[in-house]
Amino acid sequence: WTIDKSPPPFGSDDSYGKSVIDLLLVP
C-alpha cells in the first residue's frame, strides 16, 4: 500500500487528539 498524502475528509474531526495514518490501495 502507499501512504495517502491527501486523504478526503473523514467526518467531523476524526483525527483530533489521535495519531493517524491514511493508506491507499489502487489496483
mmCIF file of all heavy atoms, coordinates in Angstrom:
data_MODEL
# 
_entry.id   MODEL 
# 
loop_
_atom_site.group_PDB 
_atom_site.id 
_atom_site.type_symbol 
_atom_site.label_atom_id 
_atom_site.label_alt_id 
_atom_site.label_comp_id 
_atom_site.label_asym_id 
_atom_site.label_entity_id 
_atom_site.label_seq_id 
_atom_site.pdbx_PDB_ins_code 
_atom_site.Cartn_x 
_atom_site.Cartn_y 
_atom_site.Cartn_z 
_atom_site.occupancy 
_atom_site.B_iso_or_equiv 
_atom_site.pdbx_formal_charge 
_atom_site.auth_seq_id 
_atom_site.auth_comp_id 
_atom_site.auth_asym_id 
_atom_site.auth_atom_id 
_atom_site.pdbx_PDB_model_num 
ATOM 1   N N   . TRP A 1 1  ? 0.848   -1.189 0.000   1.00 0.00 ? 1  TRP A N   1 
ATOM 2   C CA  . TRP A 1 1  ? 0.000   0.000  0.000   1.00 0.00 ? 1  TRP A CA  1 
ATOM 3   C C   . TRP A 1 1  ? 0.888   1.247  0.000   1.00 0.00 ? 1  TRP A C   1 
ATOM 4   O O   . TRP A 1 1  ? 2.085   1.165  0.262   1.00 0.00 ? 1  TRP A O   1 
ATOM 5   C CB  . TRP A 1 1  ? -0.908  -0.001 1.236   1.00 0.00 ? 1  TRP A CB  1 
ATOM 6   C CG  . TRP A 1 1  ? -1.938  -1.088 1.263   1.00 0.00 ? 1  TRP A CG  1 
ATOM 7   C CD1 . TRP A 1 1  ? -1.742  -2.430 1.074   1.00 0.00 ? 1  TRP A CD1 1 
ATOM 8   C CD2 . TRP A 1 1  ? -3.340  -0.937 1.513   1.00 0.00 ? 1  TRP A CD2 1 
ATOM 9   N NE1 . TRP A 1 1  ? -2.924  -3.114 1.187   1.00 0.00 ? 1  TRP A NE1 1 
ATOM 10  C CE2 . TRP A 1 1  ? -3.923  -2.225 1.454   1.00 0.00 ? 1  TRP A CE2 1 
ATOM 11  C CE3 . TRP A 1 1  ? -4.156  0.164  1.780   1.00 0.00 ? 1  TRP A CE3 1 
ATOM 12  C CZ2 . TRP A 1 1  ? -5.288  -2.436 1.653   1.00 0.00 ? 1  TRP A CZ2 1 
ATOM 13  C CZ3 . TRP A 1 1  ? -5.520  -0.044 1.994   1.00 0.00 ? 1  TRP A CZ3 1 
ATOM 14  C CH2 . TRP A 1 1  ? -6.076  -1.335 1.923   1.00 0.00 ? 1  TRP A CH2 1 
ATOM 15  N N   . THR A 1 2  ? 0.276   2.392  -0.281  1.00 0.00 ? 2  THR A N   1 
ATOM 16  C CA  . THR A 1 2  ? 1.025   3.646  -0.209  1.00 0.00 ? 2  THR A CA  1 
ATOM 17  C C   . THR A 1 2  ? 0.419   4.512  0.898   1.00 0.00 ? 2  THR A C   1 
ATOM 18  O O   . THR A 1 2  ? -0.746  4.345  1.271   1.00 0.00 ? 2  THR A O   1 
ATOM 19  C CB  . THR A 1 2  ? 0.968   4.425  -1.540  1.00 0.00 ? 2  THR A CB  1 
ATOM 20  O OG1 . THR A 1 2  ? -0.408  4.608  -1.905  1.00 0.00 ? 2  THR A OG1 1 
ATOM 21  C CG2 . THR A 1 2  ? 1.678   3.678  -2.649  1.00 0.00 ? 2  THR A CG2 1 
ATOM 22  N N   . ILE A 1 3  ? 1.233   5.432  1.400   1.00 0.00 ? 3  ILE A N   1 
ATOM 23  C CA  . ILE A 1 3  ? 0.714   6.404  2.374   1.00 0.00 ? 3  ILE A CA  1 
ATOM 24  C C   . ILE A 1 3  ? -0.070  7.444  1.588   1.00 0.00 ? 3  ILE A C   1 
ATOM 25  O O   . ILE A 1 3  ? 0.414   7.978  0.585   1.00 0.00 ? 3  ILE A O   1 
ATOM 26  C CB  . ILE A 1 3  ? 1.860   7.018  3.187   1.00 0.00 ? 3  ILE A CB  1 
ATOM 27  C CG1 . ILE A 1 3  ? 2.482   5.926  4.077   1.00 0.00 ? 3  ILE A CG1 1 
ATOM 28  C CG2 . ILE A 1 3  ? 1.356   8.195  4.019   1.00 0.00 ? 3  ILE A CG2 1 
ATOM 29  C CD1 . ILE A 1 3  ? 3.712   6.346  4.845   1.00 0.00 ? 3  ILE A CD1 1 
ATOM 30  N N   . ASP A 1 4  ? -1.300  7.686  2.006   1.00 0.00 ? 4  ASP A N   1 
ATOM 31  C CA  . ASP A 1 4  ? -2.205  8.607  1.308   1.00 0.00 ? 4  ASP A CA  1 
ATOM 32  C C   . ASP A 1 4  ? -1.906  10.023 1.799   1.00 0.00 ? 4  ASP A C   1 
ATOM 33  O O   . ASP A 1 4  ? -2.240  10.386 2.926   1.00 0.00 ? 4  ASP A O   1 
ATOM 34  C CB  . ASP A 1 4  ? -3.649  8.202  1.625   1.00 0.00 ? 4  ASP A CB  1 
ATOM 35  C CG  . ASP A 1 4  ? -4.664  8.881  0.720   1.00 0.00 ? 4  ASP A CG  1 
ATOM 36  O OD1 . ASP A 1 4  ? -4.263  9.733  -0.087  1.00 0.00 ? 4  ASP A OD1 1 
ATOM 37  O OD2 . ASP A 1 4  ? -5.853  8.537  0.826   1.00 0.00 ? 4  ASP A OD2 1 
ATOM 38  N N   . LYS A 1 5  ? -1.257  10.797 0.934   1.00 0.00 ? 5  LYS A N   1 
ATOM 39  C CA  . LYS A 1 5  ? -0.801  12.131 1.362   1.00 0.00 ? 5  LYS A CA  1 
ATOM 40  C C   . LYS A 1 5  ? -1.947  13.134 1.460   1.00 0.00 ? 5  LYS A C   1 
ATOM 41  O O   . LYS A 1 5  ? -1.878  14.106 2.194   1.00 0.00 ? 5  LYS A O   1 
ATOM 42  C CB  . LYS A 1 5  ? 0.238   12.672 0.368   1.00 0.00 ? 5  LYS A CB  1 
ATOM 43  C CG  . LYS A 1 5  ? 1.520   11.837 0.282   1.00 0.00 ? 5  LYS A CG  1 
ATOM 44  C CD  . LYS A 1 5  ? 2.404   12.043 1.502   1.00 0.00 ? 5  LYS A CD  1 
ATOM 45  C CE  . LYS A 1 5  ? 3.829   11.552 1.287   1.00 0.00 ? 5  LYS A CE  1 
ATOM 46  N NZ  . LYS A 1 5  ? 4.042   10.154 1.615   1.00 0.00 ? 5  LYS A NZ  1 
ATOM 47  N N   . SER A 1 6  ? -3.023  12.930 0.685   1.00 0.00 ? 6  SER A N   1 
ATOM 48  C CA  . SER A 1 6  ? -4.113  13.910 0.718   1.00 0.00 ? 6  SER A CA  1 
ATOM 49  C C   . SER A 1 6  ? -5.456  13.191 0.797   1.00 0.00 ? 6  SER A C   1 
ATOM 50  O O   . SER A 1 6  ? -6.218  13.171 -0.161  1.00 0.00 ? 6  SER A O   1 
ATOM 51  C CB  . SER A 1 6  ? -4.060  14.798 -0.520  1.00 0.00 ? 6  SER A CB  1 
ATOM 52  O OG  . SER A 1 6  ? -3.988  13.981 -1.677  1.00 0.00 ? 6  SER A OG  1 
ATOM 53  N N   . PRO A 1 7  ? -5.722  12.556 1.955   1.00 0.00 ? 7  PRO A N   1 
ATOM 54  C CA  . PRO A 1 7  ? -6.992  11.832 2.068   1.00 0.00 ? 7  PRO A CA  1 
ATOM 55  C C   . PRO A 1 7  ? -8.161  12.795 2.089   1.00 0.00 ? 7  PRO A C   1 
ATOM 56  O O   . PRO A 1 7  ? -8.039  13.916 2.587   1.00 0.00 ? 7  PRO A O   1 
ATOM 57  C CB  . PRO A 1 7  ? -6.864  11.122 3.423   1.00 0.00 ? 7  PRO A CB  1 
ATOM 58  C CG  . PRO A 1 7  ? -5.907  11.962 4.198   1.00 0.00 ? 7  PRO A CG  1 
ATOM 59  C CD  . PRO A 1 7  ? -4.945  12.531 3.198   1.00 0.00 ? 7  PRO A CD  1 
ATOM 60  N N   . PRO A 1 8  ? -9.314  12.367 1.535   1.00 0.00 ? 8  PRO A N   1 
ATOM 61  C CA  . PRO A 1 8  ? -10.511 13.206 1.658   1.00 0.00 ? 8  PRO A CA  1 
ATOM 62  C C   . PRO A 1 8  ? -10.933 13.277 3.126   1.00 0.00 ? 8  PRO A C   1 
ATOM 63  O O   . PRO A 1 8  ? -10.538 12.432 3.927   1.00 0.00 ? 8  PRO A O   1 
ATOM 64  C CB  . PRO A 1 8  ? -11.551 12.452 0.827   1.00 0.00 ? 8  PRO A CB  1 
ATOM 65  C CG  . PRO A 1 8  ? -11.050 11.065 0.700   1.00 0.00 ? 8  PRO A CG  1 
ATOM 66  C CD  . PRO A 1 8  ? -9.566  11.107 0.851   1.00 0.00 ? 8  PRO A CD  1 
ATOM 67  N N   . PRO A 1 9  ? -11.698 14.293 3.512   1.00 0.00 ? 9  PRO A N   1 
ATOM 68  C CA  . PRO A 1 9  ? -12.095 14.427 4.927   1.00 0.00 ? 9  PRO A CA  1 
ATOM 69  C C   . PRO A 1 9  ? -12.857 13.200 5.417   1.00 0.00 ? 9  PRO A C   1 
ATOM 70  O O   . PRO A 1 9  ? -13.650 12.616 4.699   1.00 0.00 ? 9  PRO A O   1 
ATOM 71  C CB  . PRO A 1 9  ? -12.974 15.679 4.948   1.00 0.00 ? 9  PRO A CB  1 
ATOM 72  C CG  . PRO A 1 9  ? -13.255 16.015 3.527   1.00 0.00 ? 9  PRO A CG  1 
ATOM 73  C CD  . PRO A 1 9  ? -12.221 15.364 2.673   1.00 0.00 ? 9  PRO A CD  1 
ATOM 74  N N   . PHE A 1 10 ? -12.581 12.806 6.652   1.00 0.00 ? 10 PHE A N   1 
ATOM 75  C CA  . PHE A 1 10 ? -13.162 11.586 7.236   1.00 0.00 ? 10 PHE A CA  1 
ATOM 76  C C   . PHE A 1 10 ? -14.177 11.932 8.310   1.00 0.00 ? 10 PHE A C   1 
ATOM 77  O O   . PHE A 1 10 ? -14.083 11.472 9.424   1.00 0.00 ? 10 PHE A O   1 
ATOM 78  C CB  . PHE A 1 10 ? -12.034 10.772 7.888   1.00 0.00 ? 10 PHE A CB  1 
ATOM 79  C CG  . PHE A 1 10 ? -11.547 9.631  7.045   1.00 0.00 ? 10 PHE A CG  1 
ATOM 80  C CD1 . PHE A 1 10 ? -10.789 9.850  5.911   1.00 0.00 ? 10 PHE A CD1 1 
ATOM 81  C CD2 . PHE A 1 10 ? -11.825 8.321  7.403   1.00 0.00 ? 10 PHE A CD2 1 
ATOM 82  C CE1 . PHE A 1 10 ? -10.314 8.800  5.152   1.00 0.00 ? 10 PHE A CE1 1 
ATOM 83  C CE2 . PHE A 1 10 ? -11.357 7.261  6.645   1.00 0.00 ? 10 PHE A CE2 1 
ATOM 84  C CZ  . PHE A 1 10 ? -10.604 7.494  5.516   1.00 0.00 ? 10 PHE A CZ  1 
ATOM 85  N N   . GLY A 1 11 ? -15.127 12.806 8.055   1.00 0.00 ? 11 GLY A N   1 
ATOM 86  C CA  . GLY A 1 11 ? -16.102 13.106 9.111   1.00 0.00 ? 11 GLY A CA  1 
ATOM 87  C C   . GLY A 1 11 ? -15.666 14.333 9.891   1.00 0.00 ? 11 GLY A C   1 
ATOM 88  O O   . GLY A 1 11 ? -14.696 14.992 9.565   1.00 0.00 ? 11 GLY A O   1 
ATOM 89  N N   . SER A 1 12 ? -16.363 14.631 10.976  1.00 0.00 ? 12 SER A N   1 
ATOM 90  C CA  . SER A 1 12 ? -16.312 15.947 11.609  1.00 0.00 ? 12 SER A CA  1 
ATOM 91  C C   . SER A 1 12 ? -14.914 16.359 12.047  1.00 0.00 ? 12 SER A C   1 
ATOM 92  O O   . SER A 1 12 ? -14.473 17.399 11.742  1.00 0.00 ? 12 SER A O   1 
ATOM 93  C CB  . SER A 1 12 ? -17.265 15.995 12.797  1.00 0.00 ? 12 SER A CB  1 
ATOM 94  O OG  . SER A 1 12 ? -17.055 14.873 13.613  1.00 0.00 ? 12 SER A OG  1 
ATOM 95  N N   . ASP A 1 13 ? -14.208 15.609 12.839  1.00 0.00 ? 13 ASP A N   1 
ATOM 96  C CA  . ASP A 1 13 ? -12.810 15.949 13.121  1.00 0.00 ? 13 ASP A CA  1 
ATOM 97  C C   . ASP A 1 13 ? -12.199 14.679 13.659  1.00 0.00 ? 13 ASP A C   1 
ATOM 98  O O   . ASP A 1 13 ? -11.799 14.585 14.806  1.00 0.00 ? 13 ASP A O   1 
ATOM 99  C CB  . ASP A 1 13 ? -12.698 17.105 14.118  1.00 0.00 ? 13 ASP A CB  1 
ATOM 100 C CG  . ASP A 1 13 ? -11.279 17.675 14.121  1.00 0.00 ? 13 ASP A CG  1 
ATOM 101 O OD1 . ASP A 1 13 ? -10.428 17.140 13.374  1.00 0.00 ? 13 ASP A OD1 1 
ATOM 102 O OD2 . ASP A 1 13 ? -11.021 18.627 14.869  1.00 0.00 ? 13 ASP A OD2 1 
ATOM 103 N N   . ASP A 1 14 ? -12.161 13.698 12.769  1.00 0.00 ? 14 ASP A N   1 
ATOM 104 C CA  . ASP A 1 14 ? -11.855 12.344 13.197  1.00 0.00 ? 14 ASP A CA  1 
ATOM 105 C C   . ASP A 1 14 ? -10.439 12.190 13.712  1.00 0.00 ? 14 ASP A C   1 
ATOM 106 O O   . ASP A 1 14 ? -10.133 11.264 14.422  1.00 0.00 ? 14 ASP A O   1 
ATOM 107 C CB  . ASP A 1 14 ? -12.111 11.395 12.021  1.00 0.00 ? 14 ASP A CB  1 
ATOM 108 C CG  . ASP A 1 14 ? -11.998 9.951  12.435  1.00 0.00 ? 14 ASP A CG  1 
ATOM 109 O OD1 . ASP A 1 14 ? -12.533 9.621  13.501  1.00 0.00 ? 14 ASP A OD1 1 
ATOM 110 O OD2 . ASP A 1 14 ? -11.358 9.170  11.721  1.00 0.00 ? 14 ASP A OD2 1 
ATOM 111 N N   . SER A 1 15 ? -9.530  13.111 13.358  1.00 0.00 ? 15 SER A N   1 
ATOM 112 C CA  . SER A 1 15 ? -8.137  12.895 13.717  1.00 0.00 ? 15 SER A CA  1 
ATOM 113 C C   . SER A 1 15 ? -7.716  13.701 14.949  1.00 0.00 ? 15 SER A C   1 
ATOM 114 O O   . SER A 1 15 ? -6.582  13.607 15.387  1.00 0.00 ? 15 SER A O   1 
ATOM 115 C CB  . SER A 1 15 ? -7.236  13.242 12.531  1.00 0.00 ? 15 SER A CB  1 
ATOM 116 O OG  . SER A 1 15 ? -7.437  14.585 12.171  1.00 0.00 ? 15 SER A OG  1 
ATOM 117 N N   . TYR A 1 16 ? -8.643  14.483 15.532  1.00 0.00 ? 16 TYR A N   1 
ATOM 118 C CA  . TYR A 1 16 ? -8.256  15.329 16.662  1.00 0.00 ? 16 TYR A CA  1 
ATOM 119 C C   . TYR A 1 16 ? -7.874  14.454 17.867  1.00 0.00 ? 16 TYR A C   1 
ATOM 120 O O   . TYR A 1 16 ? -8.596  13.541 18.257  1.00 0.00 ? 16 TYR A O   1 
ATOM 121 C CB  . TYR A 1 16 ? -9.399  16.273 17.057  1.00 0.00 ? 16 TYR A CB  1 
ATOM 122 C CG  . TYR A 1 16 ? -9.044  17.156 18.224  1.00 0.00 ? 16 TYR A CG  1 
ATOM 123 C CD1 . TYR A 1 16 ? -8.154  18.219 18.053  1.00 0.00 ? 16 TYR A CD1 1 
ATOM 124 C CD2 . TYR A 1 16 ? -9.544  16.899 19.486  1.00 0.00 ? 16 TYR A CD2 1 
ATOM 125 C CE1 . TYR A 1 16 ? -7.792  19.019 19.109  1.00 0.00 ? 16 TYR A CE1 1 
ATOM 126 C CE2 . TYR A 1 16 ? -9.187  17.704 20.560  1.00 0.00 ? 16 TYR A CE2 1 
ATOM 127 C CZ  . TYR A 1 16 ? -8.311  18.761 20.370  1.00 0.00 ? 16 TYR A CZ  1 
ATOM 128 O OH  . TYR A 1 16 ? -7.943  19.536 21.423  1.00 0.00 ? 16 TYR A OH  1 
ATOM 129 N N   . GLY A 1 17 ? -6.725  14.748 18.479  1.00 0.00 ? 17 GLY A N   1 
ATOM 130 C CA  . GLY A 1 17 ? -6.298  14.010 19.667  1.00 0.00 ? 17 GLY A CA  1 
ATOM 131 C C   . GLY A 1 17 ? -5.939  12.569 19.379  1.00 0.00 ? 17 GLY A C   1 
ATOM 132 O O   . GLY A 1 17 ? -5.986  11.723 20.274  1.00 0.00 ? 17 GLY A O   1 
ATOM 133 N N   . LYS A 1 18 ? -5.563  12.245 18.142  1.00 0.00 ? 18 LYS A N   1 
ATOM 134 C CA  . LYS A 1 18 ? -5.215  10.870 17.791  1.00 0.00 ? 18 LYS A CA  1 
ATOM 135 C C   . LYS A 1 18 ? -3.954  10.871 16.940  1.00 0.00 ? 18 LYS A C   1 
ATOM 136 O O   . LYS A 1 18 ? -3.655  11.857 16.271  1.00 0.00 ? 18 LYS A O   1 
ATOM 137 C CB  . LYS A 1 18 ? -6.340  10.218 16.965  1.00 0.00 ? 18 LYS A CB  1 
ATOM 138 C CG  . LYS A 1 18 ? -7.650  10.075 17.704  1.00 0.00 ? 18 LYS A CG  1 
ATOM 139 C CD  . LYS A 1 18 ? -8.707  9.506  16.775  1.00 0.00 ? 18 LYS A CD  1 
ATOM 140 C CE  . LYS A 1 18 ? -10.042 9.361  17.509  1.00 0.00 ? 18 LYS A CE  1 
ATOM 141 N NZ  . LYS A 1 18 ? -11.115 9.003  16.590  1.00 0.00 ? 18 LYS A NZ  1 
ATOM 142 N N   . SER A 1 19 ? -3.247  9.752  16.957  1.00 0.00 ? 19 SER A N   1 
ATOM 143 C CA  . SER A 1 19 ? -2.210  9.504  15.952  1.00 0.00 ? 19 SER A CA  1 
ATOM 144 C C   . SER A 1 19 ? -2.889  8.773  14.810  1.00 0.00 ? 19 SER A C   1 
ATOM 145 O O   . SER A 1 19 ? -3.545  7.758  15.034  1.00 0.00 ? 19 SER A O   1 
ATOM 146 C CB  . SER A 1 19 ? -1.107  8.611  16.518  1.00 0.00 ? 19 SER A CB  1 
ATOM 147 O OG  . SER A 1 19 ? -0.493  9.213  17.615  1.00 0.00 ? 19 SER A OG  1 
ATOM 148 N N   . VAL A 1 20 ? -2.707  9.271  13.589  1.00 0.00 ? 20 VAL A N   1 
ATOM 149 C CA  . VAL A 1 20 ? -3.485  8.764  12.455  1.00 0.00 ? 20 VAL A CA  1 
ATOM 150 C C   . VAL A 1 20 ? -2.564  8.508  11.274  1.00 0.00 ? 20 VAL A C   1 
ATOM 151 O O   . VAL A 1 20 ? -1.676  9.310  10.994  1.00 0.00 ? 20 VAL A O   1 
ATOM 152 C CB  . VAL A 1 20 ? -4.566  9.801  12.039  1.00 0.00 ? 20 VAL A CB  1 
ATOM 153 C CG1 . VAL A 1 20 ? -5.236  9.409  10.734  1.00 0.00 ? 20 VAL A CG1 1 
ATOM 154 C CG2 . VAL A 1 20 ? -5.600  9.952  13.135  1.00 0.00 ? 20 VAL A CG2 1 
ATOM 155 N N   . ILE A 1 21 ? -2.783  7.405  10.572  1.00 0.00 ? 21 ILE A N   1 
ATOM 156 C CA  . ILE A 1 21 ? -2.152  7.195  9.270   1.00 0.00 ? 21 ILE A CA  1 
ATOM 157 C C   . ILE A 1 21 ? -3.233  6.812  8.260   1.00 0.00 ? 21 ILE A C   1 
ATOM 158 O O   . ILE A 1 21 ? -4.151  6.050  8.582   1.00 0.00 ? 21 ILE A O   1 
ATOM 159 C CB  . ILE A 1 21 ? -1.030  6.124  9.331   1.00 0.00 ? 21 ILE A CB  1 
ATOM 160 C CG1 . ILE A 1 21 ? -0.259  6.068  8.015   1.00 0.00 ? 21 ILE A CG1 1 
ATOM 161 C CG2 . ILE A 1 21 ? -1.590  4.748  9.691   1.00 0.00 ? 21 ILE A CG2 1 
ATOM 162 C CD1 . ILE A 1 21 ? 0.611   7.261  7.740   1.00 0.00 ? 21 ILE A CD1 1 
ATOM 163 N N   . ASP A 1 22 ? -3.122  7.383  7.065   1.00 0.00 ? 22 ASP A N   1 
ATOM 164 C CA  . ASP A 1 22 ? -4.046  7.062  5.972   1.00 0.00 ? 22 ASP A CA  1 
ATOM 165 C C   . ASP A 1 22 ? -3.273  6.309  4.894   1.00 0.00 ? 22 ASP A C   1 
ATOM 166 O O   . ASP A 1 22 ? -2.232  6.794  4.418   1.00 0.00 ? 22 ASP A O   1 
ATOM 167 C CB  . ASP A 1 22 ? -4.642  8.344  5.386   1.00 0.00 ? 22 ASP A CB  1 
ATOM 168 C CG  . ASP A 1 22 ? -5.616  8.989  6.353   1.00 0.00 ? 22 ASP A CG  1 
ATOM 169 O OD1 . ASP A 1 22 ? -6.644  8.363  6.625   1.00 0.00 ? 22 ASP A OD1 1 
ATOM 170 O OD2 . ASP A 1 22 ? -5.335  10.101 6.839   1.00 0.00 ? 22 ASP A OD2 1 
ATOM 171 N N   . LEU A 1 23 ? -3.779  5.139  4.522   1.00 0.00 ? 23 LEU A N   1 
ATOM 172 C CA  . LEU A 1 23 ? -3.142  4.316  3.498   1.00 0.00 ? 23 LEU A CA  1 
ATOM 173 C C   . LEU A 1 23 ? -4.085  4.150  2.317   1.00 0.00 ? 23 LEU A C   1 
ATOM 174 O O   . LEU A 1 23 ? -5.309  4.237  2.464   1.00 0.00 ? 23 LEU A O   1 
ATOM 175 C CB  . LEU A 1 23 ? -2.775  2.943  4.060   1.00 0.00 ? 23 LEU A CB  1 
ATOM 176 C CG  . LEU A 1 23 ? -1.798  2.947  5.236   1.00 0.00 ? 23 LEU A CG  1 
ATOM 177 C CD1 . LEU A 1 23 ? -1.528  1.523  5.703   1.00 0.00 ? 23 LEU A CD1 1 
ATOM 178 C CD2 . LEU A 1 23 ? -0.497  3.647  4.899   1.00 0.00 ? 23 LEU A CD2 1 
ATOM 179 N N   . LEU A 1 24 ? -3.503  3.889  1.145   1.00 0.00 ? 24 LEU A N   1 
ATOM 180 C CA  . LEU A 1 24 ? -4.277  3.816  -0.088  1.00 0.00 ? 24 LEU A CA  1 
ATOM 181 C C   . LEU A 1 24 ? -3.842  2.608  -0.898  1.00 0.00 ? 24 LEU A C   1 
ATOM 182 O O   . LEU A 1 24 ? -2.642  2.332  -1.012  1.00 0.00 ? 24 LEU A O   1 
ATOM 183 C CB  . LEU A 1 24 ? -4.040  5.100  -0.900  1.00 0.00 ? 24 LEU A CB  1 
ATOM 184 C CG  . LEU A 1 24 ? -4.660  5.192  -2.300  1.00 0.00 ? 24 LEU A CG  1 
ATOM 185 C CD1 . LEU A 1 24 ? -6.186  5.187  -2.226  1.00 0.00 ? 24 LEU A CD1 1 
ATOM 186 C CD2 . LEU A 1 24 ? -4.155  6.463  -2.998  1.00 0.00 ? 24 LEU A CD2 1 
ATOM 187 N N   . LEU A 1 25 ? -4.827  1.904  -1.454  1.00 0.00 ? 25 LEU A N   1 
ATOM 188 C CA  . LEU A 1 25 ? -4.559  0.816  -2.394  1.00 0.00 ? 25 LEU A CA  1 
ATOM 189 C C   . LEU A 1 25 ? -5.393  1.042  -3.646  1.00 0.00 ? 25 LEU A C   1 
ATOM 190 O O   . LEU A 1 25 ? -6.613  1.192  -3.572  1.00 0.00 ? 25 LEU A O   1 
ATOM 191 C CB  . LEU A 1 25 ? -4.937  -0.536 -1.774  1.00 0.00 ? 25 LEU A CB  1 
ATOM 192 C CG  . LEU A 1 25 ? -4.697  -1.762 -2.657  1.00 0.00 ? 25 LEU A CG  1 
ATOM 193 C CD1 . LEU A 1 25 ? -3.214  -1.998 -2.885  1.00 0.00 ? 25 LEU A CD1 1 
ATOM 194 C CD2 . LEU A 1 25 ? -5.328  -3.006 -2.039  1.00 0.00 ? 25 LEU A CD2 1 
ATOM 195 N N   . VAL A 1 26 ? -4.722  1.107  -4.792  1.00 0.00 ? 26 VAL A N   1 
ATOM 196 C CA  . VAL A 1 26 ? -5.433  1.102  -6.078  1.00 0.00 ? 26 VAL A CA  1 
ATOM 197 C C   . VAL A 1 26 ? -4.854  -0.060 -6.882  1.00 0.00 ? 26 VAL A C   1 
ATOM 198 O O   . VAL A 1 26 ? -3.666  -0.341 -6.783  1.00 0.00 ? 26 VAL A O   1 
ATOM 199 C CB  . VAL A 1 26 ? -5.295  2.437  -6.854  1.00 0.00 ? 26 VAL A CB  1 
ATOM 200 C CG1 . VAL A 1 26 ? -6.059  3.546  -6.172  1.00 0.00 ? 26 VAL A CG1 1 
ATOM 201 C CG2 . VAL A 1 26 ? -3.844  2.822  -7.026  1.00 0.00 ? 26 VAL A CG2 1 
ATOM 202 N N   . PRO A 1 27 ? -5.693  -0.766 -7.639  1.00 0.00 ? 27 PRO A N   1 
ATOM 203 C CA  . PRO A 1 27 ? -5.195  -1.969 -8.308  1.00 0.00 ? 27 PRO A CA  1 
ATOM 204 C C   . PRO A 1 27 ? -4.253  -1.638 -9.465  1.00 0.00 ? 27 PRO A C   1 
ATOM 205 O O   . PRO A 1 27 ? -4.445  -0.649 -10.166 1.00 0.00 ? 27 PRO A O   1 
ATOM 206 C CB  . PRO A 1 27 ? -6.471  -2.647 -8.825  1.00 0.00 ? 27 PRO A CB  1 
ATOM 207 C CG  . PRO A 1 27 ? -7.478  -1.563 -8.920  1.00 0.00 ? 27 PRO A CG  1 
ATOM 208 C CD  . PRO A 1 27 ? -7.116  -0.531 -7.895  1.00 0.00 ? 27 PRO A CD  1 
# 
